Amino acid sequence: MQKIDAHLHVNLAGVDADQLIDYMDRHDVDKCWLLTWEELDAPISNLYQNLSPEEVFRVHDQYPDRIVPFYAPDPKTKNLEGTIKKHREKGLRGCGELKVTHKWEERIIGNYLRVIDKYDLPLLFHMEEPRMHYVPDKPDVIQQVLDKLMNGALNGITKHYLTKFSEKTSILKDHIEDHLTYFPGYLYDFANLEKRLRQFPGVDFIGHGPHFWNNISDNPPEILFHDKGDIDRFGIIDRLLTSYPNFYCDISGRSGFNALSRDREKTKLFLEKHHCKILFGTDNTGFDFEGLVRSFQLPDDKLNNIFFDNADRLVTG
């Protein structure tokens, strides 16, 4: 069975070009979508890592039959259309990963969508909610520990209880408050995303990220970064996948793996229902996405859609 990994990066999580190809060889991945990350004015620098189009095209030049080059310029890029046109002429096949602190309703995003619509590029985007983020200003042990506890440990539980503890006891309260910075989120508004789906029916939108996948359920979490537990009822992404021919999802990342692992009965229903809209991907995580998808024992035609056909169709027409 052929496979396309529709979400990979070079020089992320220690994966260089040789390691990328080695991963593809070991896992029988025929091709991958190789994605950039570009944000010119990232609000919190330690949340951002520039992944350049130059590196994507360098690897594509080495392995033209295996690398499908993607590039998502920052929406504030001067001469955005010229930038897209230049890379389209070099072989650009898609726009991604768009991971920027904008909202769907902003005029600059409307202009962005008009340009990629003109050049017939699918758009792979990342959704993440706003939050207060702990930003250390010194490399000392205490701040390193607090960085982990506030920003990632135990899926948000430690942040919740440490914040409550500091508010009640005043221990570390001033320090934590002084080091919290508002993170404005990435493209997190579903209502205005839906408006863009209707406005740009010629653009294929591919969703991904924690806020996206938390909404596989109709009751997203208030505390957890990645929701857990049974899914009582499907959420908005189920409705959008059903309602809009130009809306797809990418299962990659911790968020995608978690969403498909939390309720096996509901996940099987989701995969069966949306097999023509789901793209296999891993996002440099090392998680066994293939084993997870195969464990639901879907028919071969549905597996082919998820592992290869959907991604291939989006970049070849």
Protein backbone atom coordinates (compact mmCIF):
# COMPACT_ATOMS: atom_id res chain seq x y z
CA MET A 1 0.00 0.00 0.00
CA GLN A 2 1.43 3.38 -1.00
CA LYS A 3 1.83 6.07 1.67
CA ILE A 4 2.19 9.84 1.71
CA ASP A 5 3.11 11.48 5.00
CA ALA A 6 1.29 14.77 4.59
CA HIS A 7 2.97 16.57 7.47
CA LEU A 8 6.74 16.54 7.89
CA HIS A 9 9.43 19.16 8.51
CA VAL A 10 13.17 19.24 7.99
CA ASN A 11 15.36 20.55 10.84
CA LEU A 12 12.57 20.15 13.40
CA ALA A 13 13.00 17.89 16.45
CA GLY A 14 16.53 17.08 15.32
CA VAL A 15 15.44 15.63 11.98
CA ASP A 16 17.84 16.62 9.20
CA ALA A 17 17.44 15.71 5.53
CA ASP A 18 19.23 12.34 5.83
CA GLN A 19 17.17 11.37 8.88
CA LEU A 20 14.00 12.41 7.08
CA ILE A 21 14.69 10.10 4.14
CA ASP A 22 15.80 7.34 6.52
CA TYR A 23 12.46 7.63 8.35
CA MET A 24 10.60 7.42 5.02
CA ASP A 25 12.60 4.37 3.96
CA ARG A 26 12.13 2.54 7.26
CA HIS A 27 8.38 3.16 7.27
CA ASP A 28 7.79 2.57 3.55
CA VAL A 29 6.64 6.15 3.01
CA ASP A 30 6.71 6.84 -0.71
CA LYS A 31 6.40 10.63 -0.53
CA CYS A 32 6.01 13.38 2.02
CA TRP A 33 4.66 16.88 2.10
CA LEU A 34 7.58 18.92 3.44
CA LEU A 35 6.28 22.01 5.22
CA THR A 36 7.69 25.36 6.33
CA TRP A 37 6.90 27.57 9.31
CA GLU A 38 7.27 31.30 8.87
CA GLU A 39 6.03 34.07 11.16
CA LEU A 40 7.75 37.45 10.83
CA ASP A 41 6.66 38.88 14.18
CA ALA A 42 6.18 35.89 16.47
CA PRO A 43 4.77 37.24 19.75
CA ILE A 44 6.73 34.77 21.91
CA SER A 45 10.10 33.95 20.42
CA ASN A 46 10.66 30.68 22.29
CA LEU A 47 7.45 29.24 20.82
CA TYR A 48 8.67 29.78 17.27
CA GLN A 49 11.21 28.03 15.04
CA ASN A 50 11.74 29.27 11.50
CA LEU A 51 11.57 26.41 8.99
CA SER A 52 12.61 27.95 5.72
CA PRO A 53 11.47 27.32 2.14
CA GLU A 54 15.12 27.25 1.08
CA GLU A 55 15.65 24.07 3.11
CA VAL A 56 12.45 22.53 1.75
CA PHE A 57 13.53 23.13 -1.85
CA ARG A 58 17.09 22.01 -1.13
CA VAL A 59 15.78 18.62 0.02
CA HIS A 60 13.31 18.55 -2.88
CA ASP A 61 16.19 19.10 -5.32
CA GLN A 62 17.96 16.08 -3.81
CA TYR A 63 14.87 13.85 -3.79
CA PRO A 64 12.43 15.27 -6.37
CA ASP A 65 10.39 12.06 -6.60
CA ARG A 66 9.81 11.83 -2.85
CA ILE A 67 9.47 15.39 -1.56
CA VAL A 68 6.34 17.44 -2.25
CA PRO A 69 7.37 21.03 -1.44
CA PHE A 70 5.04 23.26 0.60
CA TYR A 71 5.60 26.83 1.73
CA ALA A 72 3.36 29.14 3.76
CA PRO A 73 4.78 32.69 3.63
CA ASP A 74 3.84 34.94 6.52
CA PRO A 75 0.65 36.80 5.53
CA LYS A 76 2.51 40.10 6.12
CA THR A 77 5.09 39.24 3.45
CA LYS A 78 5.69 42.15 1.10
CA ASN A 79 4.67 41.21 -2.44
CA LEU A 80 2.95 38.05 -1.24
CA GLU A 81 1.68 37.17 -4.69
CA GLY A 82 5.15 37.58 -6.20
CA THR A 83 6.57 35.29 -3.52
CA ILE A 84 3.96 32.61 -4.16
CA LYS A 85 4.34 32.94 -7.95
CA LYS A 86 8.12 32.56 -7.74
CA HIS A 87 7.90 29.41 -5.65
CA ARG A 88 5.05 28.01 -7.75
CA GLU A 89 7.35 28.24 -10.75
CA LYS A 90 9.98 26.31 -8.75
CA GLY A 91 7.54 23.47 -8.14
CA LEU A 92 5.55 24.55 -5.06
CA ARG A 93 2.58 22.21 -4.59
CA GLY A 94 0.87 23.54 -1.49
CA CYS A 95 0.69 26.23 1.16
CA GLY A 96 1.64 25.04 4.62
CA GLU A 97 2.11 24.99 7.42
CA LEU A 98 0.27 28.25 8.06
CA LYS A 99 0.85 28.75 11.78
CA VAL A 100 0.45 32.44 12.53
CA THR A 101 -1.15 34.57 15.23
CA HIS A 102 -3.94 35.90 13.04
CA LYS A 103 -7.67 35.34 12.96
CA TRP A 104 -9.65 34.06 10.01
CA GLU A 105 -11.73 37.22 9.76
CA GLU A 106 -8.75 39.55 9.31
CA ARG A 107 -8.44 41.29 5.97
CA ILE A 108 -4.85 40.11 5.60
CA ILE A 109 -6.04 36.49 5.73
CA GLY A 110 -8.69 37.21 3.12
CA ASN A 111 -5.99 38.55 0.82
CA TYR A 112 -3.83 35.50 1.56
CA LEU A 113 -6.63 33.15 0.58
CA ARG A 114 -7.26 35.05 -2.66
CA VAL A 115 -3.62 34.59 -3.65
CA ILE A 116 -3.42 30.86 -2.95
CA ASP A 117 -6.79 30.40 -4.64
CA LYS A 118 -5.38 32.10 -7.75
CA TYR A 119 -2.39 29.73 -7.77
CA ASP A 120 -4.48 26.64 -6.99
CA LEU A 121 -2.72 25.63 -3.77
CA PRO A 122 -4.20 23.60 -0.91
CA LEU A 123 -3.79 25.21 2.52
CA LEU A 124 -2.60 23.26 5.57
CA PHE A 125 -3.08 25.29 8.76
CA HIS A 126 -2.58 24.98 12.52
CA MET A 127 -5.20 25.95 15.14
CA GLU A 128 -4.32 26.78 18.74
CA GLU A 129 -6.25 28.73 21.37
CA PRO A 130 -5.05 31.89 23.16
CA ARG A 131 -3.56 31.49 26.61
CA MET A 132 -1.20 33.02 29.13
CA HIS A 133 2.24 31.52 28.52
CA TYR A 134 5.10 31.39 31.05
CA VAL A 135 8.25 32.90 29.52
CA PRO A 136 11.52 32.40 31.46
CA ASP A 137 14.02 35.27 31.31
CA LYS A 138 16.98 33.44 32.86
CA PRO A 139 18.47 29.98 32.26
CA ASP A 140 18.35 29.01 35.95
CA VAL A 141 16.98 25.69 37.25
CA ILE A 142 13.86 27.15 38.89
CA GLN A 143 12.73 28.92 35.74
CA GLN A 144 13.47 25.85 33.61
CA VAL A 145 11.31 23.74 35.93
CA LEU A 146 8.53 26.31 35.94
CA ASP A 147 8.70 26.49 32.16
CA LYS A 148 7.93 22.75 31.98
CA LEU A 149 5.29 22.82 34.70
CA MET A 150 3.45 25.83 33.30
CA ASN A 151 3.74 25.12 29.59
CA GLY A 152 3.52 21.41 29.03
CA ALA A 153 3.82 19.01 31.94
CA LEU A 154 0.92 16.63 32.50
CA ASN A 155 -1.14 18.08 29.66
CA GLY A 156 -1.98 21.36 31.42
CA ILE A 157 -2.86 19.88 34.82
CA THR A 158 0.29 21.18 36.53
CA LYS A 159 -0.30 24.67 35.14
CA HIS A 160 -3.85 24.71 36.49
CA TYR A 161 -2.96 23.58 40.01
CA LEU A 162 0.29 25.52 40.28
CA THR A 163 -1.57 28.70 39.33
CA LYS A 164 -4.30 27.96 41.90
CA PHE A 165 -1.66 27.20 44.56
CA SER A 166 0.26 30.42 43.92
CA GLU A 167 -2.94 32.49 44.02
CA LYS A 168 -3.99 30.99 47.38
CA THR A 169 -0.60 31.01 49.11
CA SER A 170 1.15 33.86 47.28
CA ILE A 171 4.16 31.54 46.88
CA LEU A 172 5.67 32.31 43.47
CA LYS A 173 2.61 34.42 42.70
CA ASP A 174 4.50 37.60 41.79
CA HIS A 175 7.15 35.68 39.90
CA ILE A 176 4.60 33.77 37.81
CA GLU A 177 2.53 36.86 37.08
CA ASP A 178 5.65 38.77 36.02
CA HIS A 179 6.60 36.01 33.59
CA LEU A 180 3.23 35.39 31.96
CA THR A 181 2.83 36.70 28.42
CA TYR A 182 -0.37 36.64 26.42
CA PHE A 183 -0.23 34.27 23.49
CA PRO A 184 -2.94 35.27 20.98
CA GLY A 185 -3.50 31.85 19.43
CA TYR A 186 -3.24 30.55 15.87
CA LEU A 187 -6.26 30.86 13.54
CA TYR A 188 -8.57 29.52 16.27
CA ASP A 189 -12.00 30.92 15.34
CA PHE A 190 -14.17 28.16 13.83
CA ALA A 191 -17.09 30.46 13.04
CA ASN A 192 -14.97 32.66 10.78
CA LEU A 193 -13.12 29.65 9.38
CA GLU A 194 -16.50 28.39 8.19
CA LYS A 195 -17.16 31.73 6.51
CA ARG A 196 -13.86 31.40 4.66
CA LEU A 197 -14.77 27.86 3.57
CA ARG A 198 -17.88 29.27 1.93
CA GLN A 199 -16.08 32.32 0.55
CA PHE A 200 -13.26 30.31 -1.07
CA PRO A 201 -14.77 27.03 -2.34
CA GLY A 202 -11.78 26.61 -4.67
CA VAL A 203 -9.30 26.41 -1.78
CA ASP A 204 -8.86 23.04 -0.08
CA PHE A 205 -8.45 23.73 3.67
CA ILE A 206 -6.62 21.10 5.77
CA GLY A 207 -6.92 21.52 9.54
CA HIS A 208 -4.47 20.40 12.22
CA GLY A 209 -3.36 21.31 15.74
CA PRO A 210 -4.53 21.12 19.38
CA HIS A 211 -7.56 23.39 19.10
CA PHE A 212 -8.60 21.70 15.87
CA TRP A 213 -8.45 18.17 17.29
CA ASN A 214 -9.93 19.04 20.68
CA ASN A 215 -13.04 19.86 18.69
CA ILE A 216 -13.51 16.28 17.56
CA SER A 217 -15.73 16.41 20.64
CA ASP A 218 -18.56 18.90 21.17
CA ASN A 219 -17.25 19.72 24.66
CA PRO A 220 -13.60 20.87 24.37
CA PRO A 221 -11.56 21.09 27.61
CA GLU A 222 -11.03 24.16 29.75
CA ILE A 223 -7.82 22.95 31.41
CA LEU A 224 -6.19 20.26 29.27
CA PHE A 225 -4.01 21.14 26.29
CA HIS A 226 -5.12 17.89 24.60
CA ASP A 227 -8.55 16.60 25.58
CA LYS A 228 -8.96 13.08 26.94
CA GLY A 229 -11.74 10.64 27.67
CA ASP A 230 -14.78 9.38 25.83
CA ILE A 231 -16.40 11.41 23.08
CA ASP A 232 -20.12 11.70 23.84
CA ARG A 233 -20.93 13.59 20.65
CA PHE A 234 -18.78 14.68 17.74
CA GLY A 235 -17.89 18.36 17.56
CA ILE A 236 -17.63 21.01 14.90
CA ILE A 237 -14.91 19.38 12.79
CA ASP A 238 -17.24 16.46 12.12
CA ARG A 239 -19.89 18.86 10.83
CA LEU A 240 -17.43 20.85 8.70
CA LEU A 241 -15.99 17.69 7.16
CA THR A 242 -19.52 16.57 6.31
CA SER A 243 -20.75 19.93 5.02
CA TYR A 244 -17.85 21.32 2.97
CA PRO A 245 -16.21 19.50 0.05
CA ASN A 246 -13.12 21.73 0.46
CA PHE A 247 -12.47 20.87 4.12
CA TYR A 248 -10.01 18.16 5.21
CA CYS A 249 -8.06 17.11 8.30
CA ASP A 250 -4.46 16.07 8.95
CA ILE A 251 -4.11 13.55 11.80
CA SER A 252 -0.49 14.39 12.65
CA GLY A 253 1.05 15.72 15.84
CA ARG A 254 0.46 14.81 19.48
CA SER A 255 -2.99 16.39 19.17
CA GLY A 256 -4.06 14.18 16.27
CA PHE A 257 -2.67 11.01 17.85
CA ASN A 258 -4.37 11.82 21.14
CA ALA A 259 -7.71 12.60 19.46
CA LEU A 260 -7.75 9.29 17.60
CA SER A 261 -6.65 7.29 20.67
CA ARG A 262 -9.07 8.58 23.31
CA ASP A 263 -12.26 6.76 22.27
CA ARG A 264 -11.73 3.81 19.93
CA GLU A 265 -15.40 3.24 19.16
CA LYS A 266 -16.00 6.86 18.16
CA THR A 267 -12.69 7.05 16.28
CA LYS A 268 -13.61 4.09 14.11
CA LEU A 269 -16.90 5.79 13.24
CA PHE A 270 -15.02 9.01 12.47
CA LEU A 271 -12.51 7.26 10.19
CA GLU A 272 -15.23 5.33 8.38
CA LYS A 273 -17.37 8.41 7.89
CA HIS A 274 -14.58 10.76 6.74
CA HIS A 275 -12.07 8.43 5.06
CA CYS A 276 -12.21 10.60 1.91
CA LYS A 277 -11.24 13.70 3.96
CA ILE A 278 -8.51 12.39 6.29
CA LEU A 279 -4.76 12.69 5.58
CA PHE A 280 -2.12 10.50 7.19
CA GLY A 281 0.75 12.48 8.73
CA THR A 282 3.18 12.33 11.64
CA ASP A 283 4.74 15.80 12.18
CA ASN A 284 8.17 14.53 13.33
CA THR A 285 6.62 13.00 16.45
CA GLY A 286 7.76 9.38 16.29
CA PHE A 287 4.26 8.21 17.26
CA ASP A 288 2.95 5.07 15.52
CA PHE A 289 0.20 6.69 13.48
CA GLU A 290 0.18 3.91 10.92
CA GLY A 291 -0.27 1.24 13.58
CA LEU A 292 -3.04 3.28 15.20
CA VAL A 293 -4.97 3.73 11.96
CA ARG A 294 -4.52 0.09 10.94
CA SER A 295 -5.72 -1.11 14.36
CA PHE A 296 -9.27 -0.08 13.43
CA GLN A 297 -9.27 -2.68 10.63
CA LEU A 298 -10.82 -0.51 7.96
CA PRO A 299 -11.33 -1.93 4.46
CA ASP A 300 -8.40 -1.49 2.10
CA ASP A 301 -10.15 1.14 -0.05
CA LYS A 302 -10.65 3.39 2.99
CA LEU A 303 -7.08 2.83 4.17
CA ASN A 304 -5.83 3.74 0.69
CA ASN A 305 -7.72 7.01 0.87
CA ILE A 306 -6.22 7.93 4.24
CA PHE A 307 -2.67 6.78 3.55
CA PHE A 308 -2.28 7.96 -0.04
CA ASP A 309 -5.15 8.90 -2.33
CA ASN A 310 -6.51 11.94 -0.47
CA ALA A 311 -3.11 13.65 -0.20
CA ASP A 312 -2.15 12.70 -3.75
CA ARG A 313 -5.40 14.07 -5.15
CA LEU A 314 -5.01 17.40 -3.36
CA VAL A 315 -1.67 18.15 -5.02
CA THR A 316 -2.21 16.51 -8.41
CA GLY A 317 -5.87 17.34 -9.11
